[in-house]
Amino acid sequence: MIGRRSGLSSPDSLGAYLTFAPRLGRTDAQRNCVSNIRPEGLGVEAAARRIDWIAAAGVARGVTGVGLKEESGEVLRVNDGSY
Protein backbone atom coordinates (compact mmCIF):
# COMPACT_ATOMS: atom_id res chain seq x y z
CA MET A 1 0.00 0.00 0.00
CA ILE A 2 1.30 3.45 -0.87
CA GLY A 3 -0.28 6.57 0.49
CA ARG A 4 -0.11 9.75 2.49
CA ARG A 5 -0.27 9.50 6.25
CA SER A 6 -2.48 12.18 7.70
CA GLY A 7 -1.33 14.08 10.72
CA LEU A 8 2.33 14.29 9.75
CA SER A 9 4.13 17.62 9.79
CA SER A 10 4.92 17.19 6.08
CA PRO A 11 1.69 17.04 4.07
CA ASP A 12 3.53 15.91 0.92
CA SER A 13 5.15 12.85 2.53
CA LEU A 14 4.27 9.35 1.28
CA GLY A 15 4.90 5.97 2.81
CA ALA A 16 4.91 2.51 1.23
CA TYR A 17 4.02 -0.52 3.33
CA LEU A 18 4.99 -3.97 2.05
CA THR A 19 3.79 -7.25 3.56
CA PHE A 20 4.35 -10.73 2.20
CA ALA A 21 1.10 -12.74 2.17
CA PRO A 22 -0.98 -10.04 3.89
CA ARG A 23 -3.90 -11.17 6.02
CA LEU A 24 -5.75 -10.21 9.17
CA GLY A 25 -3.60 -10.59 12.23
CA ARG A 26 -0.29 -9.56 10.65
CA THR A 27 1.70 -7.29 12.96
CA ASP A 28 3.88 -4.25 12.27
CA ALA A 29 6.88 -6.54 12.76
CA GLN A 30 5.80 -8.45 9.64
CA ARG A 31 5.81 -5.49 7.27
CA ASN A 32 8.37 -3.12 5.85
CA CYS A 33 7.82 0.59 5.52
CA VAL A 34 9.59 2.97 3.18
CA SER A 35 8.70 6.37 4.54
CA ASN A 36 9.38 10.07 4.03
CA ILE A 37 9.06 9.79 0.25
CA ARG A 38 8.99 13.47 -0.69
CA PRO A 39 11.07 16.21 -2.29
CA GLU A 40 12.90 17.07 0.94
CA GLY A 41 13.19 13.46 2.05
CA LEU A 42 13.79 10.18 0.28
CA GLY A 43 13.60 10.86 -3.45
CA VAL A 44 11.14 9.04 -5.67
CA GLU A 45 13.82 7.14 -7.62
CA ALA A 46 15.63 5.99 -4.47
CA ALA A 47 12.31 5.01 -2.89
CA ALA A 48 11.35 3.04 -6.00
CA ARG A 49 14.66 1.14 -5.88
CA ARG A 50 14.17 0.36 -2.18
CA ILE A 51 10.55 -0.76 -2.71
CA ASP A 52 11.60 -2.92 -5.68
CA TRP A 53 14.34 -4.60 -3.61
CA ILE A 54 12.03 -5.28 -0.66
CA ALA A 55 9.27 -6.65 -2.93
CA ALA A 56 11.62 -8.94 -4.86
CA ALA A 57 13.48 -10.18 -1.77
CA GLY A 58 10.22 -10.62 0.15
CA VAL A 59 8.75 -12.84 -2.56
CA ALA A 60 11.99 -14.78 -3.04
CA ARG A 61 12.40 -15.42 0.70
CA GLY A 62 8.73 -15.61 1.62
CA VAL A 63 9.03 -13.04 4.40
CA THR A 64 8.89 -9.32 5.09
CA GLY A 65 9.34 -7.22 8.21
CA VAL A 66 11.99 -8.00 10.79
CA GLY A 67 12.68 -11.31 9.03
CA LEU A 68 13.90 -9.43 5.96
CA LYS A 69 17.02 -7.41 6.63
CA GLU A 70 17.65 -5.00 3.78
CA GLU A 71 20.85 -6.09 2.08
CA SER A 72 20.57 -4.06 -1.09
CA GLY A 73 23.99 -2.59 -0.35
CA GLU A 74 22.94 0.81 -1.61
CA VAL A 75 23.30 3.94 0.45
CA LEU A 76 20.19 5.91 -0.33
CA ARG A 77 20.50 9.68 -0.45
CA VAL A 78 17.85 12.25 0.20
CA ASN A 79 17.50 14.88 -2.48
CA ASP A 80 19.74 17.40 -0.77
CA GLY A 81 22.71 15.02 -1.08
CA SER A 82 22.95 14.11 2.60
CA TYR A 83 22.89 10.53 3.84
PDB file of N, CA and C in Angstrom:
ATOM      1  N   MET A   1       0.839  -1.148   0.000  1.00  0.00           N
ATOM      2  CA  MET A   1       0.000   0.000   0.000  1.00  0.00           C
ATOM      3  C   MET A   1       0.898   1.229   0.000  1.00  0.00           C
ATOM      4  N   ILE A   2       0.573   2.188  -0.834  1.00  0.00           N
ATOM      5  CA  ILE A   2       1.300   3.453  -0.871  1.00  0.00           C
ATOM      6  C   ILE A   2       0.294   4.561  -0.635  1.00  0.00           C
ATOM      7  N   GLY A   3       0.635   5.481   0.235  1.00  0.00           N
ATOM      8  CA  GLY A   3      -0.284   6.574   0.489  1.00  0.00           C
ATOM      9  C   GLY A   3       0.284   7.618   1.419  1.00  0.00           C
ATOM     10  N   ARG A   4      -0.486   8.658   1.598  1.00  0.00           N
ATOM     11  CA  ARG A   4      -0.113   9.747   2.490  1.00  0.00           C
ATOM     12  C   ARG A   4      -0.647   9.445   3.873  1.00  0.00           C
ATOM     13  N   ARG A   5       0.178   9.678   4.871  1.00  0.00           N
ATOM     14  CA  ARG A   5      -0.270   9.502   6.252  1.00  0.00           C
ATOM     15  C   ARG A   5      -0.729  10.835   6.786  1.00  0.00           C
ATOM     16  N   SER A   6      -1.969  10.920   7.149  1.00  0.00           N
ATOM     17  CA  SER A   6      -2.480  12.179   7.695  1.00  0.00           C
ATOM     18  C   SER A   6      -1.882  12.434   9.067  1.00  0.00           C
ATOM     19  N   GLY A   7      -1.816  13.710   9.413  1.00  0.00           N
ATOM     20  CA  GLY A   7      -1.327  14.080  10.720  1.00  0.00           C
ATOM     21  C   GLY A   7       0.171  14.298  10.803  1.00  0.00           C
ATOM     22  N   LEU A   8       0.897  14.052   9.736  1.00  0.00           N
ATOM     23  CA  LEU A   8       2.334  14.292   9.749  1.00  0.00           C
ATOM     24  C   LEU A   8       2.615  15.771   9.545  1.00  0.00           C
ATOM     25  N   SER A   9       3.778  16.211   9.954  1.00  0.00           N
ATOM     26  CA  SER A   9       4.133  17.619   9.791  1.00  0.00           C
ATOM     27  C   SER A   9       4.437  17.964   8.337  1.00  0.00           C
ATOM     28  N   SER A  10       4.649  16.976   7.501  1.00  0.00           N
ATOM     29  CA  SER A  10       4.920  17.192   6.080  1.00  0.00           C
ATOM     30  C   SER A  10       3.758  16.642   5.258  1.00  0.00           C
ATOM     31  N   PRO A  11       2.886  17.517   4.776  1.00  0.00           N
ATOM     32  CA  PRO A  11       1.692  17.039   4.069  1.00  0.00           C
ATOM     33  C   PRO A  11       1.980  16.368   2.726  1.00  0.00           C
ATOM     34  N   ASP A  12       3.205  16.509   2.213  1.00  0.00           N
ATOM     35  CA  ASP A  12       3.533  15.906   0.925  1.00  0.00           C
ATOM     36  C   ASP A  12       4.315  14.601   1.074  1.00  0.00           C
ATOM     37  N   SER A  13       4.379  14.051   2.271  1.00  0.00           N
ATOM     38  CA  SER A  13       5.148  12.846   2.533  1.00  0.00           C
ATOM     39  C   SER A  13       4.314  11.595   2.258  1.00  0.00           C
ATOM     40  N   LEU A  14       4.919  10.634   1.557  1.00  0.00           N
ATOM     41  CA  LEU A  14       4.273   9.352   1.279  1.00  0.00           C
ATOM     42  C   LEU A  14       5.007   8.239   2.010  1.00  0.00           C
ATOM     43  N   GLY A  15       4.299   7.166   2.253  1.00  0.00           N
ATOM     44  CA  GLY A  15       4.896   5.970   2.814  1.00  0.00           C
ATOM     45  C   GLY A  15       4.419   4.757   2.030  1.00  0.00           C
ATOM     46  N   ALA A  16       5.263   3.756   1.912  1.00  0.00           N
ATOM     47  CA  ALA A  16       4.907   2.513   1.227  1.00  0.00           C
ATOM     48  C   ALA A  16       5.063   1.376   2.236  1.00  0.00           C
ATOM     49  N   TYR A  17       4.017   0.597   2.396  1.00  0.00           N
ATOM     50  CA  TYR A  17       4.017  -0.521   3.329  1.00  0.00           C
ATOM     51  C   TYR A  17       3.967  -1.814   2.532  1.00  0.00           C
ATOM     52  N   LEU A  18       4.912  -2.713   2.780  1.00  0.00           N
ATOM     53  CA  LEU A  18       4.993  -3.966   2.047  1.00  0.00           C
ATOM     54  C   LEU A  18       4.890  -5.128   3.020  1.00  0.00           C
ATOM     55  N   THR A  19       3.997  -6.076   2.716  1.00  0.00           N
ATOM     56  CA  THR A  19       3.794  -7.246   3.564  1.00  0.00           C
ATOM     57  C   THR A  19       3.663  -8.476   2.679  1.00  0.00           C
ATOM     58  N   PHE A  20       4.471  -9.476   2.934  1.00  0.00           N
ATOM     59  CA  PHE A  20       4.351 -10.729   2.202  1.00  0.00           C
ATOM     60  C   PHE A  20       3.133 -11.476   2.732  1.00  0.00           C
ATOM     61  N   ALA A  21       2.307 -11.972   1.830  1.00  0.00           N
ATOM     62  CA  ALA A  21       1.100 -12.736   2.171  1.00  0.00           C
ATOM     63  C   ALA A  21       0.258 -12.012   3.221  1.00  0.00           C
ATOM     64  N   PRO A  22      -0.209 -10.799   2.902  1.00  0.00           N
ATOM     65  CA  PRO A  22      -0.984 -10.036   3.890  1.00  0.00           C
ATOM     66  C   PRO A  22      -2.284 -10.738   4.253  1.00  0.00           C
ATOM     67  N   ARG A  23      -2.636 -10.627   5.521  1.00  0.00           N
ATOM     68  CA  ARG A  23      -3.903 -11.167   6.017  1.00  0.00           C
ATOM     69  C   ARG A  23      -4.173 -10.563   7.384  1.00  0.00           C
ATOM     70  N   LEU A  24      -5.402 -10.692   7.838  1.00  0.00           N
ATOM     71  CA  LEU A  24      -5.754 -10.211   9.166  1.00  0.00           C
ATOM     72  C   LEU A  24      -4.847 -10.852  10.200  1.00  0.00           C
ATOM     73  N   GLY A  25      -4.440 -10.070  11.159  1.00  0.00           N
ATOM     74  CA  GLY A  25      -3.603 -10.593  12.227  1.00  0.00           C
ATOM     75  C   GLY A  25      -2.124 -10.338  12.043  1.00  0.00           C
ATOM     76  N   ARG A  26      -1.703  -9.896  10.855  1.00  0.00           N
ATOM     77  CA  ARG A  26      -0.294  -9.557  10.652  1.00  0.00           C
ATOM     78  C   ARG A  26       0.060  -8.377  11.555  1.00  0.00           C
ATOM     79  N   THR A  27       1.263  -8.364  12.079  1.00  0.00           N
ATOM     80  CA  THR A  27       1.702  -7.288  12.964  1.00  0.00           C
ATOM     81  C   THR A  27       2.638  -6.340  12.225  1.00  0.00           C
ATOM     82  N   ASP A  28       2.923  -5.198  12.853  1.00  0.00           N
ATOM     83  CA  ASP A  28       3.880  -4.255  12.267  1.00  0.00           C
ATOM     84  C   ASP A  28       5.242  -4.905  12.049  1.00  0.00           C
ATOM     85  N   ALA A  29       5.593  -5.853  12.884  1.00  0.00           N
ATOM     86  CA  ALA A  29       6.880  -6.537  12.759  1.00  0.00           C
ATOM     87  C   ALA A  29       6.963  -7.380  11.494  1.00  0.00           C
ATOM     88  N   GLN A  30       5.830  -7.625  10.846  1.00  0.00           N
ATOM     89  CA  GLN A  30       5.801  -8.454   9.643  1.00  0.00           C
ATOM     90  C   GLN A  30       5.671  -7.633   8.368  1.00  0.00           C
ATOM     91  N   ARG A  31       5.868  -6.332   8.476  1.00  0.00           N
ATOM     92  CA  ARG A  31       5.809  -5.488   7.273  1.00  0.00           C
ATOM     93  C   ARG A  31       6.989  -4.544   7.249  1.00  0.00           C
ATOM     94  N   ASN A  32       7.324  -4.120   6.047  1.00  0.00           N
ATOM     95  CA  ASN A  32       8.375  -3.120   5.854  1.00  0.00           C
ATOM     96  C   ASN A  32       7.720  -1.812   5.458  1.00  0.00           C
ATOM     97  N   CYS A  33       8.319  -0.722   5.876  1.00  0.00           N
ATOM     98  CA  CYS A  33       7.816   0.594   5.520  1.00  0.00           C
ATOM     99  C   CYS A  33       8.945   1.408   4.923  1.00  0.00           C
ATOM    100  N   VAL A  34       8.682   1.993   3.779  1.00  0.00           N
ATOM    101  CA  VAL A  34       9.586   2.972   3.180  1.00  0.00           C
ATOM    102  C   VAL A  34       8.868   4.294   3.358  1.00  0.00           C
ATOM    103  N   SER A  35       9.415   5.160   4.188  1.00  0.00           N
ATOM    104  CA  SER A  35       8.700   6.375   4.538  1.00  0.00           C
ATOM    105  C   SER A  35       9.478   7.626   4.142  1.00  0.00           C
ATOM    106  N   ASN A  36       8.826   8.754   4.327  1.00  0.00           N
ATOM    107  CA  ASN A  36       9.377  10.070   4.033  1.00  0.00           C
ATOM    108  C   ASN A  36       9.710  10.234   2.548  1.00  0.00           C
ATOM    109  N   ILE A  37       8.878   9.638   1.696  1.00  0.00           N
ATOM    110  CA  ILE A  37       9.056   9.791   0.251  1.00  0.00           C
ATOM    111  C   ILE A  37       8.491  11.155  -0.114  1.00  0.00           C
ATOM    112  N   ARG A  38       9.391  12.090  -0.418  1.00  0.00           N
ATOM    113  CA  ARG A  38       8.987  13.471  -0.692  1.00  0.00           C
ATOM    114  C   ARG A  38      10.186  14.256  -1.191  1.00  0.00           C
ATOM    115  N   PRO A  39       9.952  15.431  -1.741  1.00  0.00           N
ATOM    116  CA  PRO A  39      11.065  16.211  -2.293  1.00  0.00           C
ATOM    117  C   PRO A  39      12.189  16.490  -1.294  1.00  0.00           C
ATOM    118  N   GLU A  40      11.864  16.764  -0.042  1.00  0.00           N
ATOM    119  CA  GLU A  40      12.896  17.067   0.943  1.00  0.00           C
ATOM    120  C   GLU A  40      13.317  15.842   1.744  1.00  0.00           C
ATOM    121  N   GLY A  41      12.862  14.685   1.353  1.00  0.00           N
ATOM    122  CA  GLY A  41      13.189  13.456   2.051  1.00  0.00           C
ATOM    123  C   GLY A  41      13.813  12.444   1.115  1.00  0.00           C
ATOM    124  N   LEU A  42      13.311  11.244   1.154  1.00  0.00           N
ATOM    125  CA  LEU A  42      13.791  10.175   0.276  1.00  0.00           C
ATOM    126  C   LEU A  42      13.207  10.403  -1.111  1.00  0.00           C
ATOM    127  N   GLY A  43      14.052  10.591  -2.091  1.00  0.00           N
ATOM    128  CA  GLY A  43      13.602  10.863  -3.448  1.00  0.00           C
ATOM    129  C   GLY A  43      12.815   9.711  -4.051  1.00  0.00           C
ATOM    130  N   VAL A  44      12.011  10.033  -5.043  1.00  0.00           N
ATOM    131  CA  VAL A  44      11.141   9.039  -5.670  1.00  0.00           C
ATOM    132  C   VAL A  44      11.943   7.893  -6.283  1.00  0.00           C
ATOM    133  N   GLU A  45      13.032   8.202  -6.991  1.00  0.00           N
ATOM    134  CA  GLU A  45      13.823   7.135  -7.624  1.00  0.00           C
ATOM    135  C   GLU A  45      14.464   6.223  -6.581  1.00  0.00           C
ATOM    136  N   ALA A  46      15.021   6.798  -5.528  1.00  0.00           N
ATOM    137  CA  ALA A  46      15.630   5.994  -4.468  1.00  0.00           C
ATOM    138  C   ALA A  46      14.565   5.155  -3.759  1.00  0.00           C
ATOM    139  N   ALA A  47      13.405   5.747  -3.518  1.00  0.00           N
ATOM    140  CA  ALA A  47      12.310   5.007  -2.886  1.00  0.00           C
ATOM    141  C   ALA A  47      11.859   3.850  -3.773  1.00  0.00           C
ATOM    142  N   ALA A  48      11.760   4.092  -5.072  1.00  0.00           N
ATOM    143  CA  ALA A  48      11.349   3.037  -6.001  1.00  0.00           C
ATOM    144  C   ALA A  48      12.354   1.888  -5.994  1.00  0.00           C
ATOM    145  N   ARG A  49      13.641   2.205  -5.951  1.00  0.00           N
ATOM    146  CA  ARG A  49      14.659   1.140  -5.882  1.00  0.00           C
ATOM    147  C   ARG A  49      14.531   0.348  -4.590  1.00  0.00           C
ATOM    148  N   ARG A  50      14.309   1.038  -3.475  1.00  0.00           N
ATOM    149  CA  ARG A  50      14.174   0.359  -2.185  1.00  0.00           C
ATOM    150  C   ARG A  50      12.918  -0.518  -2.174  1.00  0.00           C
ATOM    151  N   ILE A  51      11.801   0.008  -2.662  1.00  0.00           N
ATOM    152  CA  ILE A  51      10.546  -0.755  -2.714  1.00  0.00           C
ATOM    153  C   ILE A  51      10.713  -1.980  -3.611  1.00  0.00           C
ATOM    154  N   ASP A  52      11.362  -1.801  -4.759  1.00  0.00           N
ATOM    155  CA  ASP A  52      11.603  -2.917  -5.675  1.00  0.00           C
ATOM    156  C   ASP A  52      12.428  -4.008  -4.998  1.00  0.00           C
ATOM    157  N   TRP A  53      13.480  -3.616  -4.285  1.00  0.00           N
ATOM    158  CA  TRP A  53      14.335  -4.599  -3.614  1.00  0.00           C
ATOM    159  C   TRP A  53      13.542  -5.353  -2.553  1.00  0.00           C
ATOM    160  N   ILE A  54      12.801  -4.629  -1.727  1.00  0.00           N
ATOM    161  CA  ILE A  54      12.026  -5.275  -0.661  1.00  0.00           C
ATOM    162  C   ILE A  54      10.994  -6.234  -1.256  1.00  0.00           C
ATOM    163  N   ALA A  55      10.297  -5.795  -2.307  1.00  0.00           N
ATOM    164  CA  ALA A  55       9.275  -6.646  -2.927  1.00  0.00           C
ATOM    165  C   ALA A  55       9.899  -7.916  -3.506  1.00  0.00           C
ATOM    166  N   ALA A  56      10.980  -7.772  -4.238  1.00  0.00           N
ATOM    167  CA  ALA A  56      11.623  -8.938  -4.860  1.00  0.00           C
ATOM    168  C   ALA A  56      12.195  -9.888  -3.803  1.00  0.00           C
ATOM    169  N   ALA A  57      12.885  -9.339  -2.816  1.00  0.00           N
ATOM    170  CA  ALA A  57      13.477 -10.178  -1.770  1.00  0.00           C
ATOM    171  C   ALA A  57      12.386 -10.816  -0.918  1.00  0.00           C
ATOM    172  N   GLY A  58      11.319 -10.080  -0.651  1.00  0.00           N
ATOM    173  CA  GLY A  58      10.218 -10.625   0.145  1.00  0.00           C
ATOM    174  C   GLY A  58       9.571 -11.819  -0.523  1.00  0.00           C
ATOM    175  N   VAL A  59       9.340 -11.714  -1.824  1.00  0.00           N
ATOM    176  CA  VAL A  59       8.746 -12.836  -2.564  1.00  0.00           C
ATOM    177  C   VAL A  59       9.724 -14.007  -2.626  1.00  0.00           C
ATOM    178  N   ALA A  60      10.994 -13.715  -2.923  1.00  0.00           N
ATOM    179  CA  ALA A  60      11.993 -14.780  -3.043  1.00  0.00           C
ATOM    180  C   ALA A  60      12.185 -15.526  -1.719  1.00  0.00           C
ATOM    181  N   ARG A  61      12.140 -14.813  -0.608  1.00  0.00           N
ATOM    182  CA  ARG A  61      12.402 -15.415   0.701  1.00  0.00           C
ATOM    183  C   ARG A  61      11.135 -15.794   1.459  1.00  0.00           C
ATOM    184  N   GLY A  62      10.005 -15.293   0.980  1.00  0.00           N
ATOM    185  CA  GLY A  62       8.733 -15.612   1.624  1.00  0.00           C
ATOM    186  C   GLY A  62       8.537 -14.930   2.965  1.00  0.00           C
ATOM    187  N   VAL A  63       9.129 -13.747   3.127  1.00  0.00           N
ATOM    188  CA  VAL A  63       9.030 -13.044   4.404  1.00  0.00           C
ATOM    189  C   VAL A  63       9.278 -11.555   4.200  1.00  0.00           C
ATOM    190  N   THR A  64       8.612 -10.745   5.004  1.00  0.00           N
ATOM    191  CA  THR A  64       8.893  -9.319   5.088  1.00  0.00           C
ATOM    192  C   THR A  64       8.979  -8.944   6.564  1.00  0.00           C
ATOM    193  N   GLY A  65       9.252  -7.687   6.830  1.00  0.00           N
ATOM    194  CA  GLY A  65       9.344  -7.224   8.213  1.00  0.00           C
ATOM    195  C   GLY A  65      10.709  -7.517   8.809  1.00  0.00           C
ATOM    196  N   VAL A  66      10.719  -7.789  10.107  1.00  0.00           N
ATOM    197  CA  VAL A  66      11.991  -7.998  10.794  1.00  0.00           C
ATOM    198  C   VAL A  66      12.731  -9.227  10.272  1.00  0.00           C
ATOM    199  N   GLY A  67      12.039 -10.136   9.615  1.00  0.00           N
ATOM    200  CA  GLY A  67      12.678 -11.306   9.030  1.00  0.00           C
ATOM    201  C   GLY A  67      13.393 -11.023   7.730  1.00  0.00           C
ATOM    202  N   LEU A  68      13.281  -9.800   7.234  1.00  0.00           N
ATOM    203  CA  LEU A  68      13.899  -9.430   5.959  1.00  0.00           C
ATOM    204  C   LEU A  68      14.803  -8.229   6.189  1.00  0.00           C
ATOM    205  N   LYS A  69      16.057  -8.492   6.454  1.00  0.00           N
ATOM    206  CA  LYS A  69      17.023  -7.411   6.626  1.00  0.00           C
ATOM    207  C   LYS A  69      17.394  -6.882   5.251  1.00  0.00           C
ATOM    208  N   GLU A  70      17.299  -5.568   5.080  1.00  0.00           N
ATOM    209  CA  GLU A  70      17.648  -5.005   3.781  1.00  0.00           C
ATOM    210  C   GLU A  70      19.137  -5.155   3.540  1.00  0.00           C
ATOM    211  N   GLU A  71      19.466  -5.815   2.449  1.00  0.00           N
ATOM    212  CA  GLU A  71      20.848  -6.086   2.080  1.00  0.00           C
ATOM    213  C   GLU A  71      21.130  -5.579   0.679  1.00  0.00           C
ATOM    214  N   SER A  72      20.402  -4.552   0.268  1.00  0.00           N
ATOM    215  CA  SER A  72      20.567  -4.058  -1.094  1.00  0.00           C
ATOM    216  C   SER A  72      21.952  -3.470  -1.309  1.00  0.00           C
ATOM    217  N   GLY A  73      22.632  -3.102  -0.223  1.00  0.00           N
ATOM    218  CA  GLY A  73      23.985  -2.585  -0.346  1.00  0.00           C
ATOM    219  C   GLY A  73      24.062  -1.166  -0.841  1.00  0.00           C
ATOM    220  N   GLU A  74      22.951  -0.542  -1.055  1.00  0.00           N
ATOM    221  CA  GLU A  74      22.936   0.809  -1.606  1.00  0.00           C
ATOM    222  C   GLU A  74      22.689   1.824  -0.503  1.00  0.00           C
ATOM    223  N   VAL A  75      23.553   2.825  -0.445  1.00  0.00           N
ATOM    224  CA  VAL A  75      23.303   3.945   0.450  1.00  0.00           C
ATOM    225  C   VAL A  75      22.346   4.862  -0.280  1.00  0.00           C
ATOM    226  N   LEU A  76      21.207   5.095   0.314  1.00  0.00           N
ATOM    227  CA  LEU A  76      20.186   5.910  -0.333  1.00  0.00           C
ATOM    228  C   LEU A  76      20.291   7.349   0.150  1.00  0.00           C
ATOM    229  N   ARG A  77      20.370   8.273  -0.783  1.00  0.00           N
ATOM    230  CA  ARG A  77      20.498   9.684  -0.455  1.00  0.00           C
ATOM    231  C   ARG A  77      19.142  10.372  -0.505  1.00  0.00           C
ATOM    232  N   VAL A  78      19.001  11.362   0.349  1.00  0.00           N
ATOM    233  CA  VAL A  78      17.853  12.247   0.202  1.00  0.00           C
ATOM    234  C   VAL A  78      18.222  13.269  -0.853  1.00  0.00           C
ATOM    235  N   ASN A  79      17.261  14.003  -1.344  1.00  0.00           N
ATOM    236  CA  ASN A  79      17.500  14.879  -2.484  1.00  0.00           C
ATOM    237  C   ASN A  79      18.507  15.985  -2.245  1.00  0.00           C
ATOM    238  N   ASP A  80      18.769  16.338  -1.003  1.00  0.00           N
ATOM    239  CA  ASP A  80      19.739  17.404  -0.770  1.00  0.00           C
ATOM    240  C   ASP A  80      21.173  16.886  -0.760  1.00  0.00           C
ATOM    241  N   GLY A  81      21.373  15.594  -0.999  1.00  0.00           N
ATOM    242  CA  GLY A  81      22.706  15.018  -1.083  1.00  0.00           C
ATOM    243  C   GLY A  81      23.233  14.466   0.228  1.00  0.00           C
ATOM    244  N   SER A  82      22.501  14.652   1.327  1.00  0.00           N
ATOM    245  CA  SER A  82      22.954  14.111   2.601  1.00  0.00           C
ATOM    246  C   SER A  82      22.613  12.623   2.678  1.00  0.00           C
ATOM    247  N   TYR A  83      23.128  11.962   3.685  1.00  0.00           N
ATOM    248  CA  TYR A  83      22.888  10.533   3.836  1.00  0.00           C
ATOM    249  C   TYR A  83      21.975  10.269   5.002  1.00  0.00           C
TER     250      TYR A  83
END
